[in-house]
Amino acid sequence: IRGGRVIDPLTDLDEVLNIGIENDKISVLTREELRANRTLDASGLV
């Protein structure tokens, strides 16, 4: 999930990030580009 405003309500995380998912879990949060079998462009979305 690329370029979305990622909000983790339990912490102060509220930032535009890329979320990498492997199998059924989140494997990475990063500002870097990620490669995947499928990419969802979440630009401008929460």
All heavy atoms as atom14 arrays in JSON, in Angstrom:
{
  "sequence": "IRGGRVIDPLTDLDEVLNIGIENDKISVLTREELRANRTLDASGLV",
  "atom14_mask": [
    [1, 1, 1, 1, 1, 1, 1, 1, 0, 0, 0, 0, 0, 0],
    [1, 1, 1, 1, 1, 1, 1, 1, 1, 1, 1, 0, 0, 0],
    [1, 1, 1, 1, 0, 0, 0, 0, 0, 0, 0, 0, 0, 0],
    [1, 1, 1, 1, 0, 0, 0, 0, 0, 0, 0, 0, 0, 0],
    [1, 1, 1, 1, 1, 1, 1, 1, 1, 1, 1, 0, 0, 0],
    [1, 1, 1, 1, 1, 1, 1, 0, 0, 0, 0, 0, 0, 0],
    [1, 1, 1, 1, 1, 1, 1, 1, 0, 0, 0, 0, 0, 0],
    [1, 1, 1, 1, 1, 1, 1, 1, 0, 0, 0, 0, 0, 0],
    [1, 1, 1, 1, 1, 1, 1, 0, 0, 0, 0, 0, 0, 0],
    [1, 1, 1, 1, 1, 1, 1, 1, 0, 0, 0, 0, 0, 0],
    [1, 1, 1, 1, 1, 1, 1, 0, 0, 0, 0, 0, 0, 0],
    [1, 1, 1, 1, 1, 1, 1, 1, 0, 0, 0, 0, 0, 0],
    [1, 1, 1, 1, 1, 1, 1, 1, 0, 0, 0, 0, 0, 0],
    [1, 1, 1, 1, 1, 1, 1, 1, 0, 0, 0, 0, 0, 0],
    [1, 1, 1, 1, 1, 1, 1, 1, 1, 0, 0, 0, 0, 0],
    [1, 1, 1, 1, 1, 1, 1, 0, 0, 0, 0, 0, 0, 0],
    [1, 1, 1, 1, 1, 1, 1, 1, 0, 0, 0, 0, 0, 0],
    [1, 1, 1, 1, 1, 1, 1, 1, 0, 0, 0, 0, 0, 0],
    [1, 1, 1, 1, 1, 1, 1, 1, 0, 0, 0, 0, 0, 0],
    [1, 1, 1, 1, 0, 0, 0, 0, 0, 0, 0, 0, 0, 0],
    [1, 1, 1, 1, 1, 1, 1, 1, 0, 0, 0, 0, 0, 0],
    [1, 1, 1, 1, 1, 1, 1, 1, 1, 0, 0, 0, 0, 0],
    [1, 1, 1, 1, 1, 1, 1, 1, 0, 0, 0, 0, 0, 0],
    [1, 1, 1, 1, 1, 1, 1, 1, 0, 0, 0, 0, 0, 0],
    [1, 1, 1, 1, 1, 1, 1, 1, 1, 0, 0, 0, 0, 0],
    [1, 1, 1, 1, 1, 1, 1, 1, 0, 0, 0, 0, 0, 0],
    [1, 1, 1, 1, 1, 1, 0, 0, 0, 0, 0, 0, 0, 0],
    [1, 1, 1, 1, 1, 1, 1, 0, 0, 0, 0, 0, 0, 0],
    [1, 1, 1, 1, 1, 1, 1, 1, 0, 0, 0, 0, 0, 0],
    [1, 1, 1, 1, 1, 1, 1, 0, 0, 0, 0, 0, 0, 0],
    [1, 1, 1, 1, 1, 1, 1, 1, 1, 1, 1, 0, 0, 0],
    [1, 1, 1, 1, 1, 1, 1, 1, 1, 0, 0, 0, 0, 0],
    [1, 1, 1, 1, 1, 1, 1, 1, 1, 0, 0, 0, 0, 0],
    [1, 1, 1, 1, 1, 1, 1, 1, 0, 0, 0, 0, 0, 0],
    [1, 1, 1, 1, 1, 1, 1, 1, 1, 1, 1, 0, 0, 0],
    [1, 1, 1, 1, 1, 0, 0, 0, 0, 0, 0, 0, 0, 0],
    [1, 1, 1, 1, 1, 1, 1, 1, 0, 0, 0, 0, 0, 0],
    [1, 1, 1, 1, 1, 1, 1, 1, 1, 1, 1, 0, 0, 0],
    [1, 1, 1, 1, 1, 1, 1, 0, 0, 0, 0, 0, 0, 0],
    [1, 1, 1, 1, 1, 1, 1, 1, 0, 0, 0, 0, 0, 0],
    [1, 1, 1, 1, 1, 1, 1, 1, 0, 0, 0, 0, 0, 0],
    [1, 1, 1, 1, 1, 0, 0, 0, 0, 0, 0, 0, 0, 0],
    [1, 1, 1, 1, 1, 1, 0, 0, 0, 0, 0, 0, 0, 0],
    [1, 1, 1, 1, 0, 0, 0, 0, 0, 0, 0, 0, 0, 0],
    [1, 1, 1, 1, 1, 1, 1, 1, 0, 0, 0, 0, 0, 0],
    [1, 1, 1, 1, 1, 1, 1, 0, 0, 0, 0, 0, 0, 0]
  ],
  "atom14_positions": [
    [[0.89, -1.16, 0.0], [0.0, 0.0, 0.0], [0.92, 1.21, 0.0], [1.63, 1.47, 0.97], [-0.94, 0.0, 1.22], [-1.79, -1.27, 1.21], [-1.84, 1.24, 1.21], [-2.69, -1.43, 2.42], [0.0, 0.0, 0.0], [0.0, 0.0, 0.0], [0.0, 0.0, 0.0], [0.0, 0.0, 0.0], [0.0, 0.0, 0.0], [0.0, 0.0, 0.0]],
    [[0.92, 1.95, -1.11], [1.93, 2.98, -1.35], [1.38, 4.39, -1.14], [0.29, 4.73, -1.61], [2.45, 2.85, -2.78], [3.55, 3.85, -3.13], [4.06, 3.62, -4.54], [2.99, 3.87, -5.53], [3.03, 3.43, -6.77], [4.05, 2.69, -7.18], [2.05, 3.72, -7.61], [0.0, 0.0, 0.0], [0.0, 0.0, 0.0], [0.0, 0.0, 0.0]],
    [[2.15, 5.2, -0.42], [1.92, 6.63, -0.39], [0.71, 7.11, 0.38], [0.26, 8.24, 0.19], [0.0, 0.0, 0.0], [0.0, 0.0, 0.0], [0.0, 0.0, 0.0], [0.0, 0.0, 0.0], [0.0, 0.0, 0.0], [0.0, 0.0, 0.0], [0.0, 0.0, 0.0], [0.0, 0.0, 0.0], [0.0, 0.0, 0.0], [0.0, 0.0, 0.0]],
    [[0.18, 6.29, 1.28], [-0.96, 6.72, 2.08], [-0.54, 7.39, 3.37], [0.6, 7.25, 3.82], [0.0, 0.0, 0.0], [0.0, 0.0, 0.0], [0.0, 0.0, 0.0], [0.0, 0.0, 0.0], [0.0, 0.0, 0.0], [0.0, 0.0, 0.0], [0.0, 0.0, 0.0], [0.0, 0.0, 0.0], [0.0, 0.0, 0.0], [0.0, 0.0, 0.0]],
    [[-1.45, 8.16, 3.95], [-1.22, 8.76, 5.26], [-1.48, 7.68, 6.3], [-2.62, 7.37, 6.64], [-2.14, 9.96, 5.48], [-2.03, 10.6, 6.85], [-3.13, 11.63, 7.05], [-3.21, 12.07, 8.43], [-4.22, 12.78, 8.94], [-5.23, 13.16, 8.15], [-4.22, 13.13, 10.22], [0.0, 0.0, 0.0], [0.0, 0.0, 0.0], [0.0, 0.0, 0.0]],
    [[-0.43, 7.07, 6.8], [-0.54, 5.95, 7.71], [-0.72, 6.45, 9.14], [0.12, 7.2, 9.65], [0.71, 5.05, 7.62], [0.63, 3.9, 8.62], [0.86, 4.5, 6.2], [0.0, 0.0, 0.0], [0.0, 0.0, 0.0], [0.0, 0.0, 0.0], [0.0, 0.0, 0.0], [0.0, 0.0, 0.0], [0.0, 0.0, 0.0], [0.0, 0.0, 0.0]],
    [[-1.82, 6.06, 9.76], [-2.1, 6.46, 11.14], [-2.16, 5.22, 12.01], [-2.98, 4.32, 11.79], [-3.43, 7.23, 11.25], [-3.4, 8.51, 10.4], [-3.73, 7.57, 12.71], [-4.7, 9.3, 10.43], [0.0, 0.0, 0.0], [0.0, 0.0, 0.0], [0.0, 0.0, 0.0], [0.0, 0.0, 0.0], [0.0, 0.0, 0.0], [0.0, 0.0, 0.0]],
    [[-1.26, 5.15, 12.98], [-1.34, 4.13, 14.03], [-1.83, 4.83, 15.29], [-1.06, 5.51, 15.96], [0.03, 3.49, 14.27], [-0.02, 2.45, 15.38], [-1.0, 1.68, 15.41], [0.9, 2.43, 16.22], [0.0, 0.0, 0.0], [0.0, 0.0, 0.0], [0.0, 0.0, 0.0], [0.0, 0.0, 0.0], [0.0, 0.0, 0.0], [0.0, 0.0, 0.0]],
    [[-3.12, 4.7, 15.62], [-3.71, 5.53, 16.68], [-3.06, 5.35, 18.06], [-3.12, 6.26, 18.88], [-5.17, 5.08, 16.7], [-5.41, 4.49, 15.36], [-4.12, 3.85, 14.97], [0.0, 0.0, 0.0], [0.0, 0.0, 0.0], [0.0, 0.0, 0.0], [0.0, 0.0, 0.0], [0.0, 0.0, 0.0], [0.0, 0.0, 0.0], [0.0, 0.0, 0.0]],
    [[-2.45, 4.19, 18.29], [-1.88, 3.94, 19.62], [-0.6, 4.74, 19.84], [-0.21, 5.0, 20.98], [-1.61, 2.44, 19.79], [-1.29, 1.96, 21.21], [-2.48, 2.19, 22.14], [-0.91, 0.49, 21.2], [0.0, 0.0, 0.0], [0.0, 0.0, 0.0], [0.0, 0.0, 0.0], [0.0, 0.0, 0.0], [0.0, 0.0, 0.0], [0.0, 0.0, 0.0]],
    [[0.07, 5.11, 18.75], [1.32, 5.85, 18.85], [1.15, 7.21, 18.17], [0.06, 7.59, 17.78], [2.46, 5.07, 18.17], [2.19, 4.99, 16.76], [2.56, 3.65, 18.73], [0.0, 0.0, 0.0], [0.0, 0.0, 0.0], [0.0, 0.0, 0.0], [0.0, 0.0, 0.0], [0.0, 0.0, 0.0], [0.0, 0.0, 0.0], [0.0, 0.0, 0.0]],
    [[2.25, 7.9, 18.0], [2.22, 9.2, 17.32], [2.43, 9.07, 15.82], [2.6, 10.08, 15.14], [3.29, 10.13, 17.91], [2.98, 10.53, 19.34], [1.78, 10.64, 19.67], [3.93, 10.72, 20.13], [0.0, 0.0, 0.0], [0.0, 0.0, 0.0], [0.0, 0.0, 0.0], [0.0, 0.0, 0.0], [0.0, 0.0, 0.0], [0.0, 0.0, 0.0]],
    [[2.44, 7.84, 15.32], [2.69, 7.66, 13.89], [1.53, 8.21, 13.06], [0.4, 7.75, 13.16], [2.88, 6.17, 13.57], [3.11, 5.84, 12.09], [4.38, 6.5, 11.58], [3.16, 4.33, 11.87], [0.0, 0.0, 0.0], [0.0, 0.0, 0.0], [0.0, 0.0, 0.0], [0.0, 0.0, 0.0], [0.0, 0.0, 0.0], [0.0, 0.0, 0.0]],
    [[1.83, 9.23, 12.26], [0.88, 9.84, 11.33], [1.73, 10.43, 10.22], [2.15, 11.58, 10.26], [0.05, 10.92, 12.04], [-1.04, 11.5, 11.15], [-0.98, 11.3, 9.92], [-1.95, 12.16, 11.69], [0.0, 0.0, 0.0], [0.0, 0.0, 0.0], [0.0, 0.0, 0.0], [0.0, 0.0, 0.0], [0.0, 0.0, 0.0], [0.0, 0.0, 0.0]],
    [[2.01, 9.6, 9.21], [3.03, 9.96, 8.22], [2.74, 9.27, 6.89], [2.16, 8.18, 6.86], [4.39, 9.51, 8.76], [5.57, 9.94, 7.93], [6.89, 9.54, 8.58], [6.9, 9.18, 9.78], [7.91, 9.57, 7.86], [0.0, 0.0, 0.0], [0.0, 0.0, 0.0], [0.0, 0.0, 0.0], [0.0, 0.0, 0.0], [0.0, 0.0, 0.0]],
    [[3.14, 9.9, 5.82], [3.01, 9.28, 4.5], [4.1, 8.21, 4.36], [5.3, 8.52, 4.4], [3.14, 10.32, 3.37], [3.16, 9.63, 2.0], [1.99, 11.32, 3.44], [0.0, 0.0, 0.0], [0.0, 0.0, 0.0], [0.0, 0.0, 0.0], [0.0, 0.0, 0.0], [0.0, 0.0, 0.0], [0.0, 0.0, 0.0], [0.0, 0.0, 0.0]],
    [[3.66, 6.96, 4.23], [4.58, 5.83, 4.19], [4.1, 4.77, 3.21], [2.94, 4.8, 2.77], [4.71, 5.19, 5.58], [5.34, 6.02, 6.7], [5.16, 5.32, 8.03], [6.83, 6.25, 6.4], [0.0, 0.0, 0.0], [0.0, 0.0, 0.0], [0.0, 0.0, 0.0], [0.0, 0.0, 0.0], [0.0, 0.0, 0.0], [0.0, 0.0, 0.0]],
    [[4.97, 3.83, 2.94], [4.62, 2.64, 2.18], [4.53, 1.46, 3.15], [5.4, 1.31, 4.02], [5.67, 2.36, 1.1], [5.81, 3.51, 0.13], [4.81, 4.11, -0.27], [7.04, 3.83, -0.24], [0.0, 0.0, 0.0], [0.0, 0.0, 0.0], [0.0, 0.0, 0.0], [0.0, 0.0, 0.0], [0.0, 0.0, 0.0], [0.0, 0.0, 0.0]],
    [[3.51, 0.64, 2.98], [3.33, -0.53, 3.84], [3.56, -1.77, 3.0], [2.9, -1.98, 1.98], [1.91, -0.57, 4.43], [1.61, 0.68, 5.25], [1.73, -1.83, 5.29], [0.2, 0.74, 5.78], [0.0, 0.0, 0.0], [0.0, 0.0, 0.0], [0.0, 0.0, 0.0], [0.0, 0.0, 0.0], [0.0, 0.0, 0.0], [0.0, 0.0, 0.0]],
    [[4.5, -2.61, 3.43], [4.76, -3.87, 2.75], [4.14, -5.02, 3.51], [4.29, -5.14, 4.73], [0.0, 0.0, 0.0], [0.0, 0.0, 0.0], [0.0, 0.0, 0.0], [0.0, 0.0, 0.0], [0.0, 0.0, 0.0], [0.0, 0.0, 0.0], [0.0, 0.0, 0.0], [0.0, 0.0, 0.0], [0.0, 0.0, 0.0], [0.0, 0.0, 0.0]],
    [[3.41, -5.87, 2.8], [2.7, -7.0, 3.4], [3.2, -8.3, 2.8], [3.3, -8.43, 1.57], [1.18, -6.86, 3.17], [0.66, -5.6, 3.88], [0.44, -8.11, 3.66], [-0.74, -5.2, 3.47], [0.0, 0.0, 0.0], [0.0, 0.0, 0.0], [0.0, 0.0, 0.0], [0.0, 0.0, 0.0], [0.0, 0.0, 0.0], [0.0, 0.0, 0.0]],
    [[3.55, -9.23, 3.66], [3.99, -10.55, 3.23], [3.11, -11.59, 3.9], [2.96, -11.6, 5.12], [5.45, -10.76, 3.61], [6.07, -11.98, 2.97], [7.58, -12.03, 3.16], [8.12, -11.15, 3.87], [8.21, -12.94, 2.6], [0.0, 0.0, 0.0], [0.0, 0.0, 0.0], [0.0, 0.0, 0.0], [0.0, 0.0, 0.0], [0.0, 0.0, 0.0]],
    [[2.5, -12.44, 3.1], [1.51, -13.41, 3.58], [0.38, -12.65, 4.28], [-0.26, -11.82, 3.67], [2.16, -14.45, 4.48], [3.16, -15.3, 3.73], [2.89, -15.7, 2.6], [4.3, -15.57, 4.32], [0.0, 0.0, 0.0], [0.0, 0.0, 0.0], [0.0, 0.0, 0.0], [0.0, 0.0, 0.0], [0.0, 0.0, 0.0], [0.0, 0.0, 0.0]],
    [[0.19, -12.85, 5.58], [-0.94, -12.22, 6.27], [-0.52, -11.1, 7.21], [-1.36, -10.57, 7.94], [-1.72, -13.28, 7.05], [-0.85, -14.06, 8.04], [0.37, -13.78, 8.11], [-1.38, -14.95, 8.72], [0.0, 0.0, 0.0], [0.0, 0.0, 0.0], [0.0, 0.0, 0.0], [0.0, 0.0, 0.0], [0.0, 0.0, 0.0], [0.0, 0.0, 0.0]],
    [[0.75, -10.71, 7.18], [1.23, -9.73, 8.16], [1.95, -8.55, 7.5], [2.45, -8.65, 6.38], [2.15, -10.39, 9.17], [1.42, -11.37, 10.09], [2.34, -11.94, 11.14], [1.57, -12.9, 12.06], [2.46, -13.51, 13.06], [0.0, 0.0, 0.0], [0.0, 0.0, 0.0], [0.0, 0.0, 0.0], [0.0, 0.0, 0.0], [0.0, 0.0, 0.0]],
    [[1.98, -7.46, 8.24], [2.77, -6.3, 7.84], [4.23, -6.62, 8.08], [4.61, -7.0, 9.2], [2.35, -5.05, 8.65], [0.89, -4.7, 8.37], [3.27, -3.87, 8.34], [0.32, -3.65, 9.32], [0.0, 0.0, 0.0], [0.0, 0.0, 0.0], [0.0, 0.0, 0.0], [0.0, 0.0, 0.0], [0.0, 0.0, 0.0], [0.0, 0.0, 0.0]],
    [[5.04, -6.5, 7.06], [6.45, -6.82, 7.24], [7.32, -5.58, 7.3], [8.43, -5.62, 7.86], [6.94, -7.74, 6.11], [6.84, -7.1, 4.86], [0.0, 0.0, 0.0], [0.0, 0.0, 0.0], [0.0, 0.0, 0.0], [0.0, 0.0, 0.0], [0.0, 0.0, 0.0], [0.0, 0.0, 0.0], [0.0, 0.0, 0.0], [0.0, 0.0, 0.0]],
    [[6.85, -4.46, 6.7], [7.71, -3.29, 6.67], [6.88, -2.02, 6.52], [5.86, -1.99, 5.82], [8.73, -3.4, 5.5], [8.04, -3.58, 4.18], [9.68, -2.21, 5.46], [0.0, 0.0, 0.0], [0.0, 0.0, 0.0], [0.0, 0.0, 0.0], [0.0, 0.0, 0.0], [0.0, 0.0, 0.0], [0.0, 0.0, 0.0], [0.0, 0.0, 0.0]],
    [[7.32, -0.96, 7.2], [6.85, 0.41, 7.01], [8.05, 1.23, 6.61], [9.08, 1.21, 7.3], [6.26, 0.98, 8.3], [4.98, 0.37, 8.87], [4.66, 1.03, 10.21], [3.84, 0.58, 7.91], [0.0, 0.0, 0.0], [0.0, 0.0, 0.0], [0.0, 0.0, 0.0], [0.0, 0.0, 0.0], [0.0, 0.0, 0.0], [0.0, 0.0, 0.0]],
    [[7.97, 1.94, 5.51], [9.16, 2.64, 5.02], [8.78, 3.81, 4.12], [7.69, 3.84, 3.55], [10.07, 1.66, 4.23], [11.23, 2.35, 3.78], [9.34, 1.06, 3.04], [0.0, 0.0, 0.0], [0.0, 0.0, 0.0], [0.0, 0.0, 0.0], [0.0, 0.0, 0.0], [0.0, 0.0, 0.0], [0.0, 0.0, 0.0], [0.0, 0.0, 0.0]],
    [[9.73, 4.74, 3.98], [9.57, 5.82, 3.01], [10.12, 5.39, 1.65], [9.89, 6.07, 0.65], [10.31, 7.07, 3.5], [9.81, 7.61, 4.83], [10.54, 8.88, 5.22], [10.19, 9.3, 6.56], [10.87, 8.96, 7.66], [11.94, 8.18, 7.56], [10.48, 9.38, 8.85], [0.0, 0.0, 0.0], [0.0, 0.0, 0.0], [0.0, 0.0, 0.0]],
    [[10.85, 4.29, 1.66], [11.47, 3.79, 0.43], [10.44, 3.09, -0.45], [9.41, 2.61, 0.02], [12.61, 2.82, 0.76], [13.65, 3.37, 1.7], [14.44, 4.52, 1.1], [14.55, 4.56, -0.14], [14.92, 5.37, 1.87], [0.0, 0.0, 0.0], [0.0, 0.0, 0.0], [0.0, 0.0, 0.0], [0.0, 0.0, 0.0], [0.0, 0.0, 0.0]],
    [[10.75, 3.0, -1.75], [9.89, 2.28, -2.68], [9.98, 0.78, -2.41], [11.04, 0.26, -2.05], [10.31, 2.57, -4.12], [9.92, 3.96, -4.61], [8.42, 4.17, -4.62], [7.69, 3.26, -5.07], [7.96, 5.24, -4.18], [0.0, 0.0, 0.0], [0.0, 0.0, 0.0], [0.0, 0.0, 0.0], [0.0, 0.0, 0.0], [0.0, 0.0, 0.0]],
    [[8.87, 0.1, -2.6], [8.8, -1.34, -2.38], [8.26, -2.03, -3.62], [7.45, -1.46, -4.35], [7.88, -1.65, -1.19], [8.3, -1.11, 0.18], [7.16, -1.31, 1.19], [9.56, -1.8, 0.68], [0.0, 0.0, 0.0], [0.0, 0.0, 0.0], [0.0, 0.0, 0.0], [0.0, 0.0, 0.0], [0.0, 0.0, 0.0], [0.0, 0.0, 0.0]],
    [[8.71, -3.24, -3.85], [8.22, -4.05, -4.97], [7.29, -5.12, -4.44], [7.53, -5.73, -3.41], [9.4, -4.71, -5.7], [10.33, -3.73, -6.38], [11.57, -4.42, -6.91], [11.23, -5.44, -7.9], [11.5, -6.74, -7.76], [12.11, -7.17, -6.67], [11.19, -7.6, -8.72], [0.0, 0.0, 0.0], [0.0, 0.0, 0.0], [0.0, 0.0, 0.0]],
    [[6.2, -5.37, -5.19], [5.22, -6.36, -4.74], [4.49, -6.97, -5.92], [4.5, -6.42, -7.03], [4.21, -5.71, -3.79], [0.0, 0.0, 0.0], [0.0, 0.0, 0.0], [0.0, 0.0, 0.0], [0.0, 0.0, 0.0], [0.0, 0.0, 0.0], [0.0, 0.0, 0.0], [0.0, 0.0, 0.0], [0.0, 0.0, 0.0], [0.0, 0.0, 0.0]],
    [[3.83, -8.09, -5.66], [2.98, -8.69, -6.69], [1.81, -7.78, -7.05], [1.33, -7.79, -8.18], [2.45, -10.04, -6.19], [3.57, -11.04, -6.0], [4.52, -11.07, -6.77], [3.46, -11.86, -4.96], [0.0, 0.0, 0.0], [0.0, 0.0, 0.0], [0.0, 0.0, 0.0], [0.0, 0.0, 0.0], [0.0, 0.0, 0.0], [0.0, 0.0, 0.0]],
    [[1.37, -6.98, -6.05], [0.32, -6.01, -6.31], [0.58, -4.77, -5.47], [0.94, -4.88, -4.29], [-1.06, -6.58, -5.98], [-2.18, -5.61, -6.37], [-3.56, -6.12, -6.07], [-4.54, -5.13, -6.51], [-5.84, -5.17, -6.2], [-6.32, -6.15, -5.48], [-6.64, -4.22, -6.63], [0.0, 0.0, 0.0], [0.0, 0.0, 0.0], [0.0, 0.0, 0.0]],
    [[0.35, -3.6, -6.07], [0.53, -2.34, -5.36], [-0.75, -1.52, -5.43], [-1.35, -1.38, -6.48], [1.69, -1.53, -5.98], [2.9, -2.26, -5.83], [1.84, -0.18, -5.28], [0.0, 0.0, 0.0], [0.0, 0.0, 0.0], [0.0, 0.0, 0.0], [0.0, 0.0, 0.0], [0.0, 0.0, 0.0], [0.0, 0.0, 0.0], [0.0, 0.0, 0.0]],
    [[-1.18, -1.02, -4.26], [-2.35, -0.14, -4.17], [-1.84, 1.28, -3.93], [-1.1, 1.53, -2.98], [-3.26, -0.56, -3.0], [-3.67, -2.04, -2.94], [-4.56, -2.27, -1.72], [-4.38, -2.46, -4.21], [0.0, 0.0, 0.0], [0.0, 0.0, 0.0], [0.0, 0.0, 0.0], [0.0, 0.0, 0.0], [0.0, 0.0, 0.0], [0.0, 0.0, 0.0]],
    [[-2.24, 2.2, -4.79], [-1.81, 3.59, -4.66], [-2.78, 4.33, -3.75], [-3.9, 4.66, -4.12], [-1.77, 4.25, -6.03], [-1.2, 5.67, -5.97], [-0.86, 6.13, -4.86], [-1.1, 6.32, -7.04], [0.0, 0.0, 0.0], [0.0, 0.0, 0.0], [0.0, 0.0, 0.0], [0.0, 0.0, 0.0], [0.0, 0.0, 0.0], [0.0, 0.0, 0.0]],
    [[-2.34, 4.6, -2.52], [-3.18, 5.25, -1.51], [-2.88, 6.74, -1.37], [-3.22, 7.34, -0.34], [-3.0, 4.55, -0.17], [0.0, 0.0, 0.0], [0.0, 0.0, 0.0], [0.0, 0.0, 0.0], [0.0, 0.0, 0.0], [0.0, 0.0, 0.0], [0.0, 0.0, 0.0], [0.0, 0.0, 0.0], [0.0, 0.0, 0.0], [0.0, 0.0, 0.0]],
    [[-2.31, 7.34, -2.38], [-1.98, 8.77, -2.31], [-3.22, 9.6, -1.98], [-4.27, 9.44, -2.61], [-1.41, 9.23, -3.65], [-0.26, 8.49, -3.99], [0.0, 0.0, 0.0], [0.0, 0.0, 0.0], [0.0, 0.0, 0.0], [0.0, 0.0, 0.0], [0.0, 0.0, 0.0], [0.0, 0.0, 0.0], [0.0, 0.0, 0.0], [0.0, 0.0, 0.0]],
    [[-3.08, 10.48, -0.99], [-4.19, 11.34, -0.6], [-5.21, 10.67, 0.3], [-6.21, 11.3, 0.69], [0.0, 0.0, 0.0], [0.0, 0.0, 0.0], [0.0, 0.0, 0.0], [0.0, 0.0, 0.0], [0.0, 0.0, 0.0], [0.0, 0.0, 0.0], [0.0, 0.0, 0.0], [0.0, 0.0, 0.0], [0.0, 0.0, 0.0], [0.0, 0.0, 0.0]],
    [[-4.97, 9.42, 0.67], [-5.92, 8.67, 1.49], [-5.3, 8.32, 2.85], [-4.08, 8.3, 3.0], [-6.34, 7.38, 0.78], [-6.94, 7.55, -0.63], [-7.2, 6.19, -1.26], [-8.22, 8.38, -0.58], [0.0, 0.0, 0.0], [0.0, 0.0, 0.0], [0.0, 0.0, 0.0], [0.0, 0.0, 0.0], [0.0, 0.0, 0.0], [0.0, 0.0, 0.0]],
    [[-6.16, 8.03, 3.81], [-5.72, 7.58, 5.12], [-5.67, 6.05, 5.13], [-6.56, 5.39, 4.61], [-6.68, 8.07, 6.23], [-6.46, 7.31, 7.54], [-6.48, 9.56, 6.47], [0.0, 0.0, 0.0], [0.0, 0.0, 0.0], [0.0, 0.0, 0.0], [0.0, 0.0, 0.0], [0.0, 0.0, 0.0], [0.0, 0.0, 0.0], [0.0, 0.0, 0.0]]
  ]
}
